[in-house]
Amino acid sequence: MNNNVESLRKERGLNQEEFAKALKVSRQTISSIENGKYNPSLDLAFEIADFFGMTIEEIFFYEIVSNDL
């Protein structure tokens, strides 16, 4: 799943630590979400969306990968 969490966070002038504190998660969690290594729980995705005043669909993007050759 892709997302634009990093760009939204940077637009608001927040570093990962500040953003993590606001969401009550670790900085490593934020880093992993931004790098696409971790998909947040539905609750956390809603918290992120609420923080930015956006919908989940505006922040997280699911891409179907086809393995057809």
PDB file of N, CA and C in Angstrom:
ATOM      1  N   MET A   1       0.847  -1.170   0.000  1.00  0.00           N
ATOM      2  CA  MET A   1       0.000   0.000   0.000  1.00  0.00           C
ATOM      3  C   MET A   1       0.892   1.233   0.000  1.00  0.00           C
ATOM      4  N   ASN A   2       0.605   2.150  -0.863  1.00  0.00           N
ATOM      5  CA  ASN A   2       1.338   3.409  -0.933  1.00  0.00           C
ATOM      6  C   ASN A   2       0.586   4.476  -0.155  1.00  0.00           C
ATOM      7  N   ASN A   3       1.301   5.527   0.223  1.00  0.00           N
ATOM      8  CA  ASN A   3       0.660   6.615   0.943  1.00  0.00           C
ATOM      9  C   ASN A   3       1.436   7.905   0.748  1.00  0.00           C
ATOM     10  N   ASN A   4       0.820   8.998   1.153  1.00  0.00           N
ATOM     11  CA  ASN A   4       1.502  10.288   1.080  1.00  0.00           C
ATOM     12  C   ASN A   4       1.666  10.897   2.471  1.00  0.00           C
ATOM     13  N   VAL A   5       1.831  10.050   3.477  1.00  0.00           N
ATOM     14  CA  VAL A   5       1.981  10.493   4.859  1.00  0.00           C
ATOM     15  C   VAL A   5       3.212  11.390   5.004  1.00  0.00           C
ATOM     16  N   GLU A   6       4.323  10.978   4.430  1.00  0.00           N
ATOM     17  CA  GLU A   6       5.553  11.762   4.576  1.00  0.00           C
ATOM     18  C   GLU A   6       5.398  13.172   4.032  1.00  0.00           C
ATOM     19  N   SER A   7       4.849  13.299   2.836  1.00  0.00           N
ATOM     20  CA  SER A   7       4.706  14.635   2.253  1.00  0.00           C
ATOM     21  C   SER A   7       3.723  15.486   3.052  1.00  0.00           C
ATOM     22  N   LEU A   8       2.644  14.895   3.545  1.00  0.00           N
ATOM     23  CA  LEU A   8       1.682  15.640   4.357  1.00  0.00           C
ATOM     24  C   LEU A   8       2.324  16.091   5.670  1.00  0.00           C
ATOM     25  N   ARG A   9       3.097  15.216   6.282  1.00  0.00           N
ATOM     26  CA  ARG A   9       3.785  15.553   7.532  1.00  0.00           C
ATOM     27  C   ARG A   9       4.763  16.703   7.315  1.00  0.00           C
ATOM     28  N   LYS A  10       5.550  16.607   6.245  1.00  0.00           N
ATOM     29  CA  LYS A  10       6.546  17.645   5.960  1.00  0.00           C
ATOM     30  C   LYS A  10       5.887  18.978   5.613  1.00  0.00           C
ATOM     31  N   GLU A  11       4.759  18.941   4.903  1.00  0.00           N
ATOM     32  CA  GLU A  11       4.029  20.171   4.575  1.00  0.00           C
ATOM     33  C   GLU A  11       3.630  20.933   5.832  1.00  0.00           C
ATOM     34  N   ARG A  12       3.400  20.199   6.904  1.00  0.00           N
ATOM     35  CA  ARG A  12       2.986  20.807   8.164  1.00  0.00           C
ATOM     36  C   ARG A  12       4.168  21.114   9.082  1.00  0.00           C
ATOM     37  N   GLY A  13       5.376  20.892   8.567  1.00  0.00           N
ATOM     38  CA  GLY A  13       6.579  21.244   9.307  1.00  0.00           C
ATOM     39  C   GLY A  13       6.860  20.363  10.512  1.00  0.00           C
ATOM     40  N   LEU A  14       6.395  19.120  10.462  1.00  0.00           N
ATOM     41  CA  LEU A  14       6.605  18.192  11.569  1.00  0.00           C
ATOM     42  C   LEU A  14       7.707  17.195  11.244  1.00  0.00           C
ATOM     43  N   ASN A  15       8.512  16.864  12.240  1.00  0.00           N
ATOM     44  CA  ASN A  15       9.434  15.750  12.041  1.00  0.00           C
ATOM     45  C   ASN A  15       8.727  14.475  12.488  1.00  0.00           C
ATOM     46  N   GLN A  16       9.351  13.346  12.246  1.00  0.00           N
ATOM     47  CA  GLN A  16       8.707  12.068  12.565  1.00  0.00           C
ATOM     48  C   GLN A  16       8.412  11.929  14.047  1.00  0.00           C
ATOM     49  N   GLU A  17       9.307  12.407  14.881  1.00  0.00           N
ATOM     50  CA  GLU A  17       9.123  12.299  16.334  1.00  0.00           C
ATOM     51  C   GLU A  17       7.903  13.104  16.794  1.00  0.00           C
ATOM     52  N   GLU A  18       7.763  14.315  16.301  1.00  0.00           N
ATOM     53  CA  GLU A  18       6.617  15.157  16.666  1.00  0.00           C
ATOM     54  C   GLU A  18       5.302  14.530  16.209  1.00  0.00           C
ATOM     55  N   PHE A  19       5.299  14.025  14.996  1.00  0.00           N
ATOM     56  CA  PHE A  19       4.097  13.393  14.448  1.00  0.00           C
ATOM     57  C   PHE A  19       3.749  12.136  15.247  1.00  0.00           C
ATOM     58  N   ALA A  20       4.763  11.353  15.576  1.00  0.00           N
ATOM     59  CA  ALA A  20       4.549  10.131  16.355  1.00  0.00           C
ATOM     60  C   ALA A  20       3.950  10.455  17.719  1.00  0.00           C
ATOM     61  N   LYS A  21       4.463  11.481  18.377  1.00  0.00           N
ATOM     62  CA  LYS A  21       3.929  11.873  19.683  1.00  0.00           C
ATOM     63  C   LYS A  21       2.472  12.294  19.576  1.00  0.00           C
ATOM     64  N   ALA A  22       2.135  13.023  18.515  1.00  0.00           N
ATOM     65  CA  ALA A  22       0.755  13.471  18.329  1.00  0.00           C
ATOM     66  C   ALA A  22      -0.194  12.286  18.160  1.00  0.00           C
ATOM     67  N   LEU A  23       0.302  11.211  17.557  1.00  0.00           N
ATOM     68  CA  LEU A  23      -0.526  10.023  17.311  1.00  0.00           C
ATOM     69  C   LEU A  23      -0.355   8.952  18.388  1.00  0.00           C
ATOM     70  N   LYS A  24       0.572   9.196  19.337  1.00  0.00           N
ATOM     71  CA  LYS A  24       0.856   8.240  20.422  1.00  0.00           C
ATOM     72  C   LYS A  24       1.349   6.894  19.893  1.00  0.00           C
ATOM     73  N   VAL A  25       2.274   6.983  18.930  1.00  0.00           N
ATOM     74  CA  VAL A  25       2.954   5.807  18.390  1.00  0.00           C
ATOM     75  C   VAL A  25       4.447   6.106  18.390  1.00  0.00           C
ATOM     76  N   SER A  26       5.250   5.119  18.041  1.00  0.00           N
ATOM     77  CA  SER A  26       6.700   5.334  18.007  1.00  0.00           C
ATOM     78  C   SER A  26       7.127   6.009  16.701  1.00  0.00           C
ATOM     79  N   ARG A  27       8.293   6.634  16.751  1.00  0.00           N
ATOM     80  CA  ARG A  27       8.858   7.226  15.540  1.00  0.00           C
ATOM     81  C   ARG A  27       9.116   6.142  14.507  1.00  0.00           C
ATOM     82  N   GLN A  28       9.503   4.955  14.967  1.00  0.00           N
ATOM     83  CA  GLN A  28       9.755   3.843  14.060  1.00  0.00           C
ATOM     84  C   GLN A  28       8.488   3.434  13.321  1.00  0.00           C
ATOM     85  N   THR A  29       7.356   3.516  13.990  1.00  0.00           N
ATOM     86  CA  THR A  29       6.078   3.215  13.329  1.00  0.00           C
ATOM     87  C   THR A  29       5.827   4.192  12.199  1.00  0.00           C
ATOM     88  N   ILE A  30       6.043   5.472  12.465  1.00  0.00           N
ATOM     89  CA  ILE A  30       5.848   6.493  11.425  1.00  0.00           C
ATOM     90  C   ILE A  30       6.804   6.243  10.264  1.00  0.00           C
ATOM     91  N   SER A  31       8.058   5.973  10.572  1.00  0.00           N
ATOM     92  CA  SER A  31       9.041   5.696   9.529  1.00  0.00           C
ATOM     93  C   SER A  31       8.618   4.510   8.675  1.00  0.00           C
ATOM     94  N   SER A  32       8.176   3.441   9.312  1.00  0.00           N
ATOM     95  CA  SER A  32       7.757   2.239   8.577  1.00  0.00           C
ATOM     96  C   SER A  32       6.534   2.485   7.715  1.00  0.00           C
ATOM     97  N   ILE A  33       5.590   3.273   8.208  1.00  0.00           N
ATOM     98  CA  ILE A  33       4.408   3.614   7.407  1.00  0.00           C
ATOM     99  C   ILE A  33       4.833   4.419   6.186  1.00  0.00           C
ATOM    100  N   GLU A  34       5.666   5.435   6.409  1.00  0.00           N
ATOM    101  CA  GLU A  34       6.101   6.296   5.309  1.00  0.00           C
ATOM    102  C   GLU A  34       6.885   5.528   4.253  1.00  0.00           C
ATOM    103  N   ASN A  35       7.633   4.521   4.671  1.00  0.00           N
ATOM    104  CA  ASN A  35       8.438   3.732   3.732  1.00  0.00           C
ATOM    105  C   ASN A  35       7.686   2.553   3.130  1.00  0.00           C
ATOM    106  N   GLY A  36       6.409   2.404   3.493  1.00  0.00           N
ATOM    107  CA  GLY A  36       5.606   1.323   2.943  1.00  0.00           C
ATOM    108  C   GLY A  36       5.949  -0.052   3.494  1.00  0.00           C
ATOM    109  N   LYS A  37       6.664  -0.095   4.622  1.00  0.00           N
ATOM    110  CA  LYS A  37       7.046  -1.379   5.217  1.00  0.00           C
ATOM    111  C   LYS A  37       6.011  -1.865   6.226  1.00  0.00           C
ATOM    112  N   TYR A  38       5.076  -0.983   6.580  1.00  0.00           N
ATOM    113  CA  TYR A  38       4.071  -1.317   7.586  1.00  0.00           C
ATOM    114  C   TYR A  38       2.754  -0.658   7.199  1.00  0.00           C
ATOM    115  N   ASN A  39       1.701  -1.448   7.183  1.00  0.00           N
ATOM    116  CA  ASN A  39       0.366  -0.909   6.945  1.00  0.00           C
ATOM    117  C   ASN A  39      -0.295  -0.680   8.297  1.00  0.00           C
ATOM    118  N   PRO A  40      -0.725   0.546   8.555  1.00  0.00           N
ATOM    119  CA  PRO A  40      -1.319   0.830   9.858  1.00  0.00           C
ATOM    120  C   PRO A  40      -2.640   0.096  10.043  1.00  0.00           C
ATOM    121  N   SER A  41      -3.001  -0.105  11.310  1.00  0.00           N
ATOM    122  CA  SER A  41      -4.319  -0.659  11.609  1.00  0.00           C
ATOM    123  C   SER A  41      -5.370   0.322  11.097  1.00  0.00           C
ATOM    124  N   LEU A  42      -6.578  -0.149  10.970  1.00  0.00           N
ATOM    125  CA  LEU A  42      -7.659   0.726  10.524  1.00  0.00           C
ATOM    126  C   LEU A  42      -7.834   1.890  11.490  1.00  0.00           C
ATOM    127  N   ASP A  43      -7.743   1.620  12.784  1.00  0.00           N
ATOM    128  CA  ASP A  43      -7.856   2.693  13.781  1.00  0.00           C
ATOM    129  C   ASP A  43      -6.780   3.750  13.579  1.00  0.00           C
ATOM    130  N   LEU A  44      -5.527   3.321  13.397  1.00  0.00           N
ATOM    131  CA  LEU A  44      -4.438   4.270  13.207  1.00  0.00           C
ATOM    132  C   LEU A  44      -4.591   5.016  11.887  1.00  0.00           C
ATOM    133  N   ALA A  45      -5.044   4.343  10.840  1.00  0.00           N
ATOM    134  CA  ALA A  45      -5.271   5.015   9.557  1.00  0.00           C
ATOM    135  C   ALA A  45      -6.310   6.124   9.719  1.00  0.00           C
ATOM    136  N   PHE A  46      -7.368   5.860  10.485  1.00  0.00           N
ATOM    137  CA  PHE A  46      -8.376   6.893  10.744  1.00  0.00           C
ATOM    138  C   PHE A  46      -7.793   8.040  11.561  1.00  0.00           C
ATOM    139  N   GLU A  47      -6.946   7.725  12.540  1.00  0.00           N
ATOM    140  CA  GLU A  47      -6.314   8.774  13.340  1.00  0.00           C
ATOM    141  C   GLU A  47      -5.421   9.661  12.471  1.00  0.00           C
ATOM    142  N   ILE A  48      -4.671   9.050  11.567  1.00  0.00           N
ATOM    143  CA  ILE A  48      -3.819   9.808  10.650  1.00  0.00           C
ATOM    144  C   ILE A  48      -4.671  10.696   9.758  1.00  0.00           C
ATOM    145  N   ALA A  49      -5.737  10.126   9.208  1.00  0.00           N
ATOM    146  CA  ALA A  49      -6.629  10.901   8.345  1.00  0.00           C
ATOM    147  C   ALA A  49      -7.250  12.068   9.120  1.00  0.00           C
ATOM    148  N   ASP A  50      -7.711  11.811  10.335  1.00  0.00           N
ATOM    149  CA  ASP A  50      -8.294  12.875  11.161  1.00  0.00           C
ATOM    150  C   ASP A  50      -7.265  13.963  11.459  1.00  0.00           C
ATOM    151  N   PHE A  51      -6.031  13.566  11.740  1.00  0.00           N
ATOM    152  CA  PHE A  51      -4.972  14.526  12.034  1.00  0.00           C
ATOM    153  C   PHE A  51      -4.804  15.512  10.879  1.00  0.00           C
ATOM    154  N   PHE A  52      -4.849  14.993   9.653  1.00  0.00           N
ATOM    155  CA  PHE A  52      -4.654  15.843   8.478  1.00  0.00           C
ATOM    156  C   PHE A  52      -5.954  16.439   7.947  1.00  0.00           C
ATOM    157  N   GLY A  53      -7.088  16.086   8.546  1.00  0.00           N
ATOM    158  CA  GLY A  53      -8.371  16.601   8.075  1.00  0.00           C
ATOM    159  C   GLY A  53      -8.730  16.061   6.708  1.00  0.00           C
ATOM    160  N   MET A  54      -8.390  14.805   6.463  1.00  0.00           N
ATOM    161  CA  MET A  54      -8.610  14.179   5.162  1.00  0.00           C
ATOM    162  C   MET A  54      -9.282  12.826   5.367  1.00  0.00           C
ATOM    163  N   THR A  55      -9.645  12.201   4.270  1.00  0.00           N
ATOM    164  CA  THR A  55     -10.178  10.839   4.339  1.00  0.00           C
ATOM    165  C   THR A  55      -9.023   9.854   4.181  1.00  0.00           C
ATOM    166  N   ILE A  56      -9.254   8.639   4.604  1.00  0.00           N
ATOM    167  CA  ILE A  56      -8.244   7.586   4.443  1.00  0.00           C
ATOM    168  C   ILE A  56      -7.875   7.430   2.971  1.00  0.00           C
ATOM    169  N   GLU A  57      -8.880   7.494   2.099  1.00  0.00           N
ATOM    170  CA  GLU A  57      -8.648   7.302   0.661  1.00  0.00           C
ATOM    171  C   GLU A  57      -7.769   8.384   0.059  1.00  0.00           C
ATOM    172  N   GLU A  58      -7.736   9.554   0.685  1.00  0.00           N
ATOM    173  CA  GLU A  58      -6.886  10.639   0.196  1.00  0.00           C
ATOM    174  C   GLU A  58      -5.423  10.461   0.617  1.00  0.00           C
ATOM    175  N   ILE A  59      -5.183   9.583   1.579  1.00  0.00           N
ATOM    176  CA  ILE A  59      -3.835   9.403   2.121  1.00  0.00           C
ATOM    177  C   ILE A  59      -3.221   8.066   1.727  1.00  0.00           C
ATOM    178  N   PHE A  60      -4.031   7.011   1.746  1.00  0.00           N
ATOM    179  CA  PHE A  60      -3.527   5.665   1.472  1.00  0.00           C
ATOM    180  C   PHE A  60      -4.065   5.157   0.141  1.00  0.00           C
ATOM    181  N   PHE A  61      -3.174   4.557  -0.637  1.00  0.00           N
ATOM    182  CA  PHE A  61      -3.518   4.095  -1.980  1.00  0.00           C
ATOM    183  C   PHE A  61      -3.172   2.617  -2.123  1.00  0.00           C
ATOM    184  N   TYR A  62      -4.157   1.841  -2.462  1.00  0.00           N
ATOM    185  CA  TYR A  62      -3.931   0.408  -2.674  1.00  0.00           C
ATOM    186  C   TYR A  62      -3.725   0.167  -4.158  1.00  0.00           C
ATOM    187  N   GLU A  63      -2.636  -0.482  -4.492  1.00  0.00           N
ATOM    188  CA  GLU A  63      -2.341  -0.800  -5.888  1.00  0.00           C
ATOM    189  C   GLU A  63      -2.355  -2.308  -6.059  1.00  0.00           C
ATOM    190  N   ILE A  64      -3.131  -2.762  -7.009  1.00  0.00           N
ATOM    191  CA  ILE A  64      -3.169  -4.189  -7.318  1.00  0.00           C
ATOM    192  C   ILE A  64      -1.983  -4.499  -8.231  1.00  0.00           C
ATOM    193  N   VAL A  65      -1.187  -5.441  -7.792  1.00  0.00           N
ATOM    194  CA  VAL A  65      -0.020  -5.862  -8.575  1.00  0.00           C
ATOM    195  C   VAL A  65      -0.371  -7.160  -9.264  1.00  0.00           C
ATOM    196  N   SER A  66      -0.259  -7.139 -10.572  1.00  0.00           N
ATOM    197  CA  SER A  66      -0.572  -8.332 -11.352  1.00  0.00           C
ATOM    198  C   SER A  66       0.703  -9.128 -11.582  1.00  0.00           C
ATOM    199  N   ASN A  67       0.614 -10.417 -11.319  1.00  0.00           N
ATOM    200  CA  ASN A  67       1.756 -11.295 -11.557  1.00  0.00           C
ATOM    201  C   ASN A  67       1.618 -12.068 -12.863  1.00  0.00           C
ATOM    202  N   ASP A  68       0.692 -11.637 -13.704  1.00  0.00           N
ATOM    203  CA  ASP A  68       0.500 -12.289 -14.998  1.00  0.00           C
ATOM    204  C   ASP A  68       1.696 -12.023 -15.892  1.00  0.00           C
ATOM    205  N   LEU A  69       2.159 -13.052 -16.534  1.00  0.00           N
ATOM    206  CA  LEU A  69       3.311 -12.895 -17.442  1.00  0.00           C
ATOM    207  C   LEU A  69       2.887 -12.906 -18.870  1.00  0.00           C
TER     208      LEU A  69
END
